[in-house]
PDB file of N, CA and C in Angstrom:
ATOM      1  N   UNK A   1      23.429 -33.484  83.864  1.00  0.00           N
ATOM      2  CA  UNK A   1      22.107 -32.633  84.393  1.00  0.00           C
ATOM      3  C   UNK A   1      21.514 -32.147  83.227  1.00  0.00           C
ATOM      4  N   UNK A   2      20.035 -32.451  83.382  1.00  0.00           N
ATOM      5  CA  UNK A   2      19.143 -31.911  82.311  1.00  0.00           C
ATOM      6  C   UNK A   2      18.462 -30.583  83.100  1.00  0.00           C
ATOM      7  N   UNK A   3      18.401 -29.608  82.260  1.00  0.00           N
ATOM      8  CA  UNK A   3      17.711 -28.262  82.760  1.00  0.00           C
ATOM      9  C   UNK A   3      16.454 -28.019  82.073  1.00  0.00           C
ATOM     10  N   UNK A   4      15.320 -27.839  82.755  1.00  0.00           N
ATOM     11  CA  UNK A   4      14.023 -27.630  82.246  1.00  0.00           C
ATOM     12  C   UNK A   4      13.982 -26.105  82.133  1.00  0.00           C
ATOM     13  N   UNK A   5      13.689 -25.745  80.894  1.00  0.00           N
ATOM     14  CA  UNK A   5      13.605 -24.246  80.594  1.00  0.00           C
ATOM     15  C   UNK A   5      12.338 -23.877  80.148  1.00  0.00           C
ATOM     16  N   UNK A   6      12.374 -22.499  80.364  1.00  0.00           N
ATOM     17  CA  UNK A   6      10.883 -21.858  79.993  1.00  0.00           C
ATOM     18  C   UNK A   6      11.217 -20.554  79.261  1.00  0.00           C
ATOM     19  N   UNK A   7      10.116 -19.791  78.982  1.00  0.00           N
ATOM     20  CA  UNK A   7      10.495 -18.703  78.235  1.00  0.00           C
ATOM     21  C   UNK A   7      11.114 -17.642  78.992  1.00  0.00           C
ATOM     22  N   UNK A   8      10.999 -17.695  80.266  1.00  0.00           N
ATOM     23  CA  UNK A   8      11.823 -16.808  81.107  1.00  0.00           C
ATOM     24  C   UNK A   8      13.284 -16.907  81.134  1.00  0.00           C
ATOM     25  N   UNK A   9      13.708 -18.123  81.175  1.00  0.00           N
ATOM     26  CA  UNK A   9      15.051 -18.383  81.326  1.00  0.00           C
ATOM     27  C   UNK A   9      15.747 -18.937  80.082  1.00  0.00           C
ATOM     28  N   UNK A  10      14.960 -19.159  78.945  1.00  0.00           N
ATOM     29  CA  UNK A  10      15.572 -19.713  77.653  1.00  0.00           C
ATOM     30  C   UNK A  10      16.794 -18.902  77.178  1.00  0.00           C
ATOM     31  N   UNK A  11      16.907 -17.645  77.235  1.00  0.00           N
ATOM     32  CA  UNK A  11      17.994 -16.815  76.670  1.00  0.00           C
ATOM     33  C   UNK A  11      19.263 -17.092  77.439  1.00  0.00           C
ATOM     34  N   UNK A  12      19.090 -17.206  78.729  1.00  0.00           N
ATOM     35  CA  UNK A  12      20.150 -17.217  79.724  1.00  0.00           C
ATOM     36  C   UNK A  12      20.600 -18.758  79.501  1.00  0.00           C
ATOM     37  N   UNK A  13      19.638 -19.715  79.516  1.00  0.00           N
ATOM     38  CA  UNK A  13      20.297 -21.015  79.670  1.00  0.00           C
ATOM     39  C   UNK A  13      20.751 -21.621  78.224  1.00  0.00           C
ATOM     40  N   UNK A  14      20.179 -21.090  77.343  1.00  0.00           N
ATOM     41  CA  UNK A  14      20.407 -21.723  75.938  1.00  0.00           C
ATOM     42  C   UNK A  14      21.293 -20.615  74.932  1.00  0.00           C
ATOM     43  N   UNK A  15      20.659 -19.540  74.705  1.00  0.00           N
ATOM     44  CA  UNK A  15      21.198 -18.689  73.739  1.00  0.00           C
ATOM     45  C   UNK A  15      22.474 -18.050  74.163  1.00  0.00           C
ATOM     46  N   UNK A  16      22.629 -17.705  75.414  1.00  0.00           N
ATOM     47  CA  UNK A  16      23.950 -17.158  76.128  1.00  0.00           C
ATOM     48  C   UNK A  16      24.795 -18.322  76.874  1.00  0.00           C
ATOM     49  N   UNK A  17      24.597 -19.563  76.440  1.00  0.00           N
ATOM     50  CA  UNK A  17      25.421 -20.607  77.047  1.00  0.00           C
ATOM     51  C   UNK A  17      26.936 -20.472  76.455  1.00  0.00           C
ATOM     52  N   UNK A  18      27.912 -20.700  76.963  1.00  0.00           N
ATOM     53  CA  UNK A  18      29.399 -20.807  76.334  1.00  0.00           C
ATOM     54  C   UNK A  18      29.625 -22.208  76.006  1.00  0.00           C
ATOM     55  N   UNK A  19      28.736 -23.171  75.834  1.00  0.00           N
ATOM     56  CA  UNK A  19      28.883 -24.510  75.410  1.00  0.00           C
ATOM     57  C   UNK A  19      27.768 -24.655  74.633  1.00  0.00           C
ATOM     58  N   UNK A  20      27.976 -25.703  73.876  1.00  0.00           N
ATOM     59  CA  UNK A  20      26.766 -26.146  72.801  1.00  0.00           C
ATOM     60  C   UNK A  20      25.627 -26.697  73.639  1.00  0.00           C
ATOM     61  N   UNK A  21      24.401 -26.330  73.330  1.00  0.00           N
ATOM     62  CA  UNK A  21      23.194 -26.942  74.071  1.00  0.00           C
ATOM     63  C   UNK A  21      22.319 -27.680  73.120  1.00  0.00           C
ATOM     64  N   UNK A  22      21.842 -28.752  73.574  1.00  0.00           N
ATOM     65  CA  UNK A  22      20.806 -29.531  73.046  1.00  0.00           C
ATOM     66  C   UNK A  22      19.649 -29.179  73.753  1.00  0.00           C
ATOM     67  N   UNK A  23      18.521 -28.818  72.995  1.00  0.00           N
ATOM     68  CA  UNK A  23      17.303 -28.644  73.513  1.00  0.00           C
ATOM     69  C   UNK A  23      16.020 -29.589  73.002  1.00  0.00           C
ATOM     70  N   UNK A  24      15.709 -30.282  74.012  1.00  0.00           N
ATOM     71  CA  UNK A  24      14.573 -31.350  73.502  1.00  0.00           C
ATOM     72  C   UNK A  24      13.182 -30.738  73.694  1.00  0.00           C
ATOM     73  N   UNK A  25      12.449 -30.395  72.645  1.00  0.00           N
ATOM     74  CA  UNK A  25      11.013 -30.132  72.812  1.00  0.00           C
ATOM     75  C   UNK A  25      10.150 -31.421  72.851  1.00  0.00           C
ATOM     76  N   UNK A  26       9.378 -31.286  74.058  1.00  0.00           N
ATOM     77  CA  UNK A  26       8.685 -32.624  74.285  1.00  0.00           C
ATOM     78  C   UNK A  26       7.505 -32.250  74.924  1.00  0.00           C
ATOM     79  N   UNK A  27       6.680 -33.435  75.234  1.00  0.00           N
ATOM     80  CA  UNK A  27       5.261 -33.341  76.229  1.00  0.00           C
ATOM     81  C   UNK A  27       5.134 -34.610  76.817  1.00  0.00           C
ATOM     82  N   UNK A  28       4.700 -34.498  78.014  1.00  0.00           N
ATOM     83  CA  UNK A  28       4.459 -35.624  78.956  1.00  0.00           C
ATOM     84  C   UNK A  28       3.612 -36.948  78.389  1.00  0.00           C
ATOM     85  N   UNK A  29       2.688 -36.445  77.383  1.00  0.00           N
ATOM     86  CA  UNK A  29       1.895 -37.524  76.984  1.00  0.00           C
ATOM     87  C   UNK A  29       2.356 -38.151  75.638  1.00  0.00           C
ATOM     88  N   UNK A  30       3.557 -37.611  75.271  1.00  0.00           N
ATOM     89  CA  UNK A  30       4.100 -38.119  73.794  1.00  0.00           C
ATOM     90  C   UNK A  30       4.931 -39.490  74.375  1.00  0.00           C
ATOM     91  N   UNK A  31       4.692 -40.621  73.738  1.00  0.00           N
ATOM     92  CA  UNK A  31       5.227 -41.684  73.837  1.00  0.00           C
ATOM     93  C   UNK A  31       6.907 -41.884  73.498  1.00  0.00           C
ATOM     94  N   UNK A  32       7.171 -41.413  72.233  1.00  0.00           N
ATOM     95  CA  UNK A  32       8.283 -41.187  71.646  1.00  0.00           C
ATOM     96  C   UNK A  32       9.219 -40.302  72.493  1.00  0.00           C
ATOM     97  N   UNK A  33       8.659 -39.438  73.143  1.00  0.00           N
ATOM     98  CA  UNK A  33       9.361 -38.400  73.988  1.00  0.00           C
ATOM     99  C   UNK A  33       9.937 -38.892  75.135  1.00  0.00           C
ATOM    100  N   UNK A  34       9.036 -39.934  75.802  1.00  0.00           N
ATOM    101  CA  UNK A  34       9.297 -40.607  76.956  1.00  0.00           C
ATOM    102  C   UNK A  34      10.598 -41.393  76.862  1.00  0.00           C
ATOM    103  N   UNK A  35      10.692 -42.055  75.526  1.00  0.00           N
ATOM    104  CA  UNK A  35      11.809 -42.809  75.085  1.00  0.00           C
ATOM    105  C   UNK A  35      12.911 -42.017  74.996  1.00  0.00           C
ATOM    106  N   UNK A  36      12.744 -40.820  74.259  1.00  0.00           N
ATOM    107  CA  UNK A  36      14.185 -39.907  74.093  1.00  0.00           C
ATOM    108  C   UNK A  36      14.349 -39.221  75.365  1.00  0.00           C
ATOM    109  N   UNK A  37      13.636 -39.155  76.395  1.00  0.00           N
ATOM    110  CA  UNK A  37      13.868 -38.707  77.656  1.00  0.00           C
ATOM    111  C   UNK A  37      14.769 -39.653  78.415  1.00  0.00           C
ATOM    112  N   UNK A  38      14.371 -40.945  78.509  1.00  0.00           N
ATOM    113  CA  UNK A  38      15.287 -42.057  79.019  1.00  0.00           C
ATOM    114  C   UNK A  38      16.756 -42.089  78.308  1.00  0.00           C
ATOM    115  N   UNK A  39      16.865 -41.741  77.020  1.00  0.00           N
ATOM    116  CA  UNK A  39      18.070 -41.589  76.503  1.00  0.00           C
ATOM    117  C   UNK A  39      18.897 -40.525  76.774  1.00  0.00           C
ATOM    118  N   UNK A  40      18.041 -39.325  76.931  1.00  0.00           N
ATOM    119  CA  UNK A  40      18.928 -38.193  77.330  1.00  0.00           C
ATOM    120  C   UNK A  40      19.335 -38.251  78.950  1.00  0.00           C
ATOM    121  N   UNK A  41      18.434 -38.959  79.902  1.00  0.00           N
ATOM    122  CA  UNK A  41      18.946 -39.043  80.986  1.00  0.00           C
ATOM    123  C   UNK A  41      20.249 -39.634  81.019  1.00  0.00           C
ATOM    124  N   UNK A  42      20.318 -40.822  80.222  1.00  0.00           N
ATOM    125  CA  UNK A  42      21.669 -41.599  80.165  1.00  0.00           C
ATOM    126  C   UNK A  42      22.731 -40.883  79.645  1.00  0.00           C
ATOM    127  N   UNK A  43      22.460 -40.234  78.581  1.00  0.00           N
ATOM    128  CA  UNK A  43      23.526 -39.424  77.898  1.00  0.00           C
ATOM    129  C   UNK A  43      24.047 -38.336  78.686  1.00  0.00           C
ATOM    130  N   UNK A  44      23.246 -37.451  79.737  1.00  0.00           N
ATOM    131  CA  UNK A  44      23.495 -36.637  80.471  1.00  0.00           C
ATOM    132  C   UNK A  44      24.511 -37.105  81.547  1.00  0.00           C
ATOM    133  N   UNK A  45      24.262 -38.170  81.881  1.00  0.00           N
ATOM    134  CA  UNK A  45      25.125 -39.020  82.883  1.00  0.00           C
ATOM    135  C   UNK A  45      26.675 -39.095  82.299  1.00  0.00           C
ATOM    136  N   UNK A  46      26.644 -39.504  81.056  1.00  0.00           N
ATOM    137  CA  UNK A  46      28.103 -39.668  80.357  1.00  0.00           C
ATOM    138  C   UNK A  46      28.722 -38.576  79.816  1.00  0.00           C
ATOM    139  N   UNK A  47      27.869 -37.382  79.858  1.00  0.00           N
ATOM    140  CA  UNK A  47      28.561 -36.148  79.213  1.00  0.00           C
ATOM    141  C   UNK A  47      29.433 -35.599  80.389  1.00  0.00           C
ATOM    142  N   UNK A  48      30.689 -35.157  79.802  1.00  0.00           N
ATOM    143  CA  UNK A  48      31.777 -34.688  80.566  1.00  0.00           C
ATOM    144  C   UNK A  48      31.322 -33.092  80.914  1.00  0.00           C
ATOM    145  N   UNK A  49      31.509 -32.859  82.091  1.00  0.00           N
ATOM    146  CA  UNK A  49      31.049 -31.556  82.720  1.00  0.00           C
ATOM    147  C   UNK A  49      31.920 -30.568  81.907  1.00  0.00           C
ATOM    148  N   UNK A  50      30.998 -29.283  81.559  1.00  0.00           N
ATOM    149  CA  UNK A  50      31.532 -28.389  80.668  1.00  0.00           C
ATOM    150  C   UNK A  50      31.758 -28.560  79.223  1.00  0.00           C
ATOM    151  N   UNK A  51      31.477 -29.896  78.669  1.00  0.00           N
ATOM    152  CA  UNK A  51      31.523 -30.024  77.396  1.00  0.00           C
ATOM    153  C   UNK A  51      30.174 -29.494  76.560  1.00  0.00           C
ATOM    154  N   UNK A  52      28.908 -29.677  77.138  1.00  0.00           N
ATOM    155  CA  UNK A  52      27.690 -29.350  76.265  1.00  0.00           C
ATOM    156  C   UNK A  52      26.776 -29.414  77.592  1.00  0.00           C
ATOM    157  N   UNK A  53      25.552 -28.963  77.347  1.00  0.00           N
ATOM    158  CA  UNK A  53      24.500 -28.842  78.086  1.00  0.00           C
ATOM    159  C   UNK A  53      23.264 -29.318  77.376  1.00  0.00           C
ATOM    160  N   UNK A  54      22.407 -30.016  78.258  1.00  0.00           N
ATOM    161  CA  UNK A  54      21.190 -30.401  77.773  1.00  0.00           C
ATOM    162  C   UNK A  54      19.813 -29.801  78.480  1.00  0.00           C
ATOM    163  N   UNK A  55      18.786 -29.166  77.734  1.00  0.00           N
ATOM    164  CA  UNK A  55      17.693 -28.458  78.164  1.00  0.00           C
ATOM    165  C   UNK A  55      16.538 -29.129  77.644  1.00  0.00           C
ATOM    166  N   UNK A  56      15.510 -29.160  78.503  1.00  0.00           N
ATOM    167  CA  UNK A  56      14.127 -29.518  77.885  1.00  0.00           C
ATOM    168  C   UNK A  56      13.055 -28.400  77.936  1.00  0.00           C
ATOM    169  N   UNK A  57      12.168 -28.447  76.723  1.00  0.00           N
ATOM    170  CA  UNK A  57      11.092 -27.568  76.921  1.00  0.00           C
ATOM    171  C   UNK A  57       9.784 -28.428  76.806  1.00  0.00           C
ATOM    172  N   UNK A  58       9.057 -28.221  77.653  1.00  0.00           N
ATOM    173  CA  UNK A  58       7.651 -29.012  77.546  1.00  0.00           C
ATOM    174  C   UNK A  58       6.859 -27.919  76.699  1.00  0.00           C
ATOM    175  N   UNK A  59       6.320 -28.386  75.544  1.00  0.00           N
ATOM    176  CA  UNK A  59       5.690 -27.518  74.440  1.00  0.00           C
ATOM    177  C   UNK A  59       4.177 -27.401  74.799  1.00  0.00           C
ATOM    178  N   UNK A  60       3.667 -27.985  75.761  1.00  0.00           N
ATOM    179  CA  UNK A  60       2.358 -27.769  76.192  1.00  0.00           C
ATOM    180  C   UNK A  60       2.429 -26.605  77.238  1.00  0.00           C
ATOM    181  N   UNK A  61       3.372 -26.383  78.151  1.00  0.00           N
ATOM    182  CA  UNK A  61       3.375 -25.209  78.884  1.00  0.00           C
ATOM    183  C   UNK A  61       4.255 -24.043  78.179  1.00  0.00           C
ATOM    184  N   UNK A  62       5.109 -24.280  77.118  1.00  0.00           N
ATOM    185  CA  UNK A  62       6.016 -23.391  76.415  1.00  0.00           C
ATOM    186  C   UNK A  62       5.691 -23.069  75.154  1.00  0.00           C
ATOM    187  N   UNK A  63       4.335 -23.069  74.818  1.00  0.00           N
ATOM    188  CA  UNK A  63       3.846 -22.757  73.473  1.00  0.00           C
ATOM    189  C   UNK A  63       4.533 -21.874  72.542  1.00  0.00           C
ATOM    190  N   UNK A  64       4.742 -20.545  73.230  1.00  0.00           N
ATOM    191  CA  UNK A  64       5.583 -19.434  72.434  1.00  0.00           C
ATOM    192  C   UNK A  64       6.941 -19.941  71.779  1.00  0.00           C
ATOM    193  N   UNK A  65       7.699 -20.640  72.649  1.00  0.00           N
ATOM    194  CA  UNK A  65       9.045 -21.362  72.389  1.00  0.00           C
ATOM    195  C   UNK A  65       8.832 -22.305  71.283  1.00  0.00           C
ATOM    196  N   UNK A  66       7.898 -23.124  71.309  1.00  0.00           N
ATOM    197  CA  UNK A  66       7.618 -23.992  70.239  1.00  0.00           C
ATOM    198  C   UNK A  66       7.252 -23.511  68.933  1.00  0.00           C
ATOM    199  N   UNK A  67       6.615 -22.386  68.853  1.00  0.00           N
ATOM    200  CA  UNK A  67       6.083 -21.709  67.974  1.00  0.00           C
ATOM    201  C   UNK A  67       7.398 -20.920  67.265  1.00  0.00           C
ATOM    202  N   UNK A  68       8.077 -20.058  68.265  1.00  0.00           N
ATOM    203  CA  UNK A  68       9.324 -19.531  67.723  1.00  0.00           C
ATOM    204  C   UNK A  68      10.264 -20.239  67.062  1.00  0.00           C
ATOM    205  N   UNK A  69      10.512 -21.622  67.397  1.00  0.00           N
ATOM    206  CA  UNK A  69      11.440 -22.456  66.883  1.00  0.00           C
ATOM    207  C   UNK A  69      10.799 -23.593  65.807  1.00  0.00           C
ATOM    208  N   UNK A  70       9.541 -23.211  65.609  1.00  0.00           N
ATOM    209  CA  UNK A  70       8.666 -24.043  64.360  1.00  0.00           C
ATOM    210  C   UNK A  70       8.890 -25.575  64.716  1.00  0.00           C
ATOM    211  N   UNK A  71       8.206 -25.748  65.952  1.00  0.00           N
ATOM    212  CA  UNK A  71       8.388 -27.221  66.388  1.00  0.00           C
ATOM    213  C   UNK A  71       6.963 -27.767  66.088  1.00  0.00           C
ATOM    214  N   UNK A  72       6.858 -28.531  64.973  1.00  0.00           N
ATOM    215  CA  UNK A  72       5.630 -29.123  64.444  1.00  0.00           C
ATOM    216  C   UNK A  72       5.452 -30.572  64.892  1.00  0.00           C
ATOM    217  N   UNK A  73       6.400 -31.143  65.328  1.00  0.00           N
ATOM    218  CA  UNK A  73       6.208 -32.602  65.844  1.00  0.00           C
ATOM    219  C   UNK A  73       7.017 -32.895  66.865  1.00  0.00           C
ATOM    220  N   UNK A  74       6.973 -33.880  67.719  1.00  0.00           N
ATOM    221  CA  UNK A  74       7.786 -33.980  68.892  1.00  0.00           C
ATOM    222  C   UNK A  74       7.979 -35.538  69.220  1.00  0.00           C
ATOM    223  N   UNK A  75       9.290 -35.822  69.608  1.00  0.00           N
ATOM    224  CA  UNK A  75      10.179 -34.972  70.131  1.00  0.00           C
ATOM    225  C   UNK A  75      11.148 -34.254  68.933  1.00  0.00           C
ATOM    226  N   UNK A  76      11.349 -33.045  69.261  1.00  0.00           N
ATOM    227  CA  UNK A  76      12.286 -32.372  68.196  1.00  0.00           C
ATOM    228  C   UNK A  76      13.407 -32.001  69.171  1.00  0.00           C
ATOM    229  N   UNK A  77      14.633 -31.898  68.671  1.00  0.00           N
ATOM    230  CA  UNK A  77      15.890 -31.474  69.171  1.00  0.00           C
ATOM    231  C   UNK A  77      16.547 -30.541  68.326  1.00  0.00           C
ATOM    232  N   UNK A  78      16.834 -29.448  68.928  1.00  0.00           N
ATOM    233  CA  UNK A  78      17.524 -28.372  68.295  1.00  0.00           C
ATOM    234  C   UNK A  78      18.751 -28.041  69.029  1.00  0.00           C
ATOM    235  N   UNK A  79      20.031 -27.917  68.466  1.00  0.00           N
ATOM    236  CA  UNK A  79      21.198 -27.778  68.992  1.00  0.00           C
ATOM    237  C   UNK A  79      21.676 -26.309  68.650  1.00  0.00           C
ATOM    238  N   UNK A  80      22.142 -25.706  69.794  1.00  0.00           N
ATOM    239  CA  UNK A  80      22.586 -24.163  69.617  1.00  0.00           C
ATOM    240  C   UNK A  80      23.920 -24.177  70.143  1.00  0.00           C
ATOM    241  N   UNK A  81      24.654 -23.239  69.310  1.00  0.00           N
ATOM    242  CA  UNK A  81      25.880 -22.854  69.725  1.00  0.00           C
ATOM    243  C   UNK A  81      26.100 -21.129  69.534  1.00  0.00           C
ATOM    244  N   UNK A  82      26.473 -20.638  70.580  1.00  0.00           N
ATOM    245  CA  UNK A  82      26.771 -19.093  70.503  1.00  0.00           C
ATOM    246  C   UNK A  82      25.481 -18.475  70.048  1.00  0.00           C
ATOM    247  N   UNK A  83      24.283 -19.007  70.649  1.00  0.00           N
ATOM    248  CA  UNK A  83      23.261 -18.385  70.512  1.00  0.00           C
ATOM    249  C   UNK A  83      22.669 -18.763  68.789  1.00  0.00           C
ATOM    250  N   UNK A  84      23.161 -19.448  68.185  1.00  0.00           N
ATOM    251  CA  UNK A  84      22.795 -19.877  66.703  1.00  0.00           C
ATOM    252  C   UNK A  84      22.232 -21.474  66.830  1.00  0.00           C
ATOM    253  N   UNK A  85      21.262 -21.612  65.770  1.00  0.00           N
ATOM    254  CA  UNK A  85      20.977 -22.949  65.624  1.00  0.00           C
ATOM    255  C   UNK A  85      22.022 -23.624  64.678  1.00  0.00           C
ATOM    256  N   UNK A  86      22.429 -24.788  65.416  1.00  0.00           N
ATOM    257  CA  UNK A  86      23.438 -25.591  64.644  1.00  0.00           C
ATOM    258  C   UNK A  86      22.634 -26.745  63.770  1.00  0.00           C
ATOM    259  N   UNK A  87      21.754 -27.397  64.425  1.00  0.00           N
ATOM    260  CA  UNK A  87      20.757 -28.239  63.583  1.00  0.00           C
ATOM    261  C   UNK A  87      19.477 -28.547  64.102  1.00  0.00           C
ATOM    262  N   UNK A  88      18.771 -29.259  63.704  1.00  0.00           N
ATOM    263  CA  UNK A  88      17.378 -29.619  64.165  1.00  0.00           C
ATOM    264  C   UNK A  88      16.947 -30.874  63.723  1.00  0.00           C
ATOM    265  N   UNK A  89      16.517 -31.754  64.719  1.00  0.00           N
ATOM    266  CA  UNK A  89      16.173 -33.212  64.301  1.00  0.00           C
ATOM    267  C   UNK A  89      14.882 -33.419  64.985  1.00  0.00           C
ATOM    268  N   UNK A  90      13.917 -34.353  64.212  1.00  0.00           N
ATOM    269  CA  UNK A  90      12.926 -34.629  64.509  1.00  0.00           C
ATOM    270  C   UNK A  90      12.605 -36.094  64.821  1.00  0.00           C
ATOM    271  N   UNK A  91      12.353 -36.559  65.942  1.00  0.00           N
ATOM    272  CA  UNK A  91      12.378 -38.129  66.168  1.00  0.00           C
ATOM    273  C   UNK A  91      13.327 -38.290  67.392  1.00  0.00           C
ATOM    274  N   UNK A  92      13.063 -39.695  67.759  1.00  0.00           N
ATOM    275  CA  UNK A  92      13.961 -40.343  68.613  1.00  0.00           C
ATOM    276  C   UNK A  92      15.483 -40.318  68.060  1.00  0.00           C
ATOM    277  N   UNK A  93      16.469 -40.038  68.790  1.00  0.00           N
ATOM    278  CA  UNK A  93      17.791 -40.011  68.360  1.00  0.00           C
ATOM    279  C   UNK A  93      18.580 -40.750  69.529  1.00  0.00           C
ATOM    280  N   UNK A  94      19.592 -41.576  69.151  1.00  0.00           N
ATOM    281  CA  UNK A  94      20.482 -42.298  70.064  1.00  0.00           C
ATOM    282  C   UNK A  94      21.603 -41.443  70.414  1.00  0.00           C
ATOM    283  N   UNK A  95      22.473 -42.008  71.537  1.00  0.00           N
ATOM    284  CA  UNK A  95      23.465 -41.181  72.033  1.00  0.00           C
ATOM    285  C   UNK A  95      24.506 -40.757  70.825  1.00  0.00           C
ATOM    286  N   UNK A  96      24.733 -41.459  70.010  1.00  0.00           N
ATOM    287  CA  UNK A  96      25.802 -41.078  68.924  1.00  0.00           C
ATOM    288  C   UNK A  96      25.284 -40.176  67.916  1.00  0.00           C
ATOM    289  N   UNK A  97      23.990 -40.237  67.746  1.00  0.00           N
ATOM    290  CA  UNK A  97      23.380 -39.058  66.785  1.00  0.00           C
ATOM    291  C   UNK A  97      23.472 -37.667  67.792  1.00  0.00           C
ATOM    292  N   UNK A  98      23.068 -37.750  69.066  1.00  0.00           N
ATOM    293  CA  UNK A  98      23.090 -36.619  69.899  1.00  0.00           C
ATOM    294  C   UNK A  98      24.628 -36.002  70.161  1.00  0.00           C
ATOM    295  N   UNK A  99      25.532 -36.889  70.041  1.00  0.00           N
ATOM    296  CA  UNK A  99      26.943 -36.296  70.133  1.00  0.00           C
ATOM    297  C   UNK A  99      27.168 -35.552  68.792  1.00  0.00           C
ATOM    298  N   UNK A 100      26.777 -36.296  67.729  1.00  0.00           N
ATOM    299  CA  UNK A 100      26.970 -35.770  66.527  1.00  0.00           C
ATOM    300  C   UNK A 100      26.300 -34.486  66.134  1.00  0.00           C
ATOM    301  N   UNK A 101      25.096 -34.201  66.770  1.00  0.00           N
ATOM    302  CA  UNK A 101      24.378 -32.902  66.739  1.00  0.00           C
ATOM    303  C   UNK A 101      25.067 -31.993  67.406  1.00  0.00           C
ATOM    304  N   UNK A 102      25.524 -32.187  68.692  1.00  0.00           N
ATOM    305  CA  UNK A 102      26.367 -31.232  69.537  1.00  0.00           C
ATOM    306  C   UNK A 102      27.945 -30.932  69.167  1.00  0.00           C
ATOM    307  N   UNK A 103      28.349 -31.749  68.218  1.00  0.00           N
ATOM    308  CA  UNK A 103      29.872 -31.696  67.789  1.00  0.00           C
ATOM    309  C   UNK A 103      30.818 -31.867  68.638  1.00  0.00           C
ATOM    310  N   UNK A 104      30.533 -33.205  69.581  1.00  0.00           N
ATOM    311  CA  UNK A 104      31.363 -33.318  70.720  1.00  0.00           C
ATOM    312  C   UNK A 104      31.751 -34.812  70.357  1.00  0.00           C
TER     313      UNK A 104
END
């Protein structure tokens, strides 16, 4: 399952999560973001419950979050664990790379 997060619930859903979180910074008008979205949809269905979480941030409506995490290009994926950034990748990534980013 993919959770859409905003500035209001980012801390609860991402920073306070007890499992690693992959956050996809995206926009509806972005072609590569749509491709990444399809990959994330399939990945989320294969993801074992309780192993990790996938969240999405729309950079058009959540500009403060994009600024805070220095998102300059989209799609950008940032993985968090225990409230800390594990890594940050720009561009479309396949399921294997997503698993690697999450450490699962």
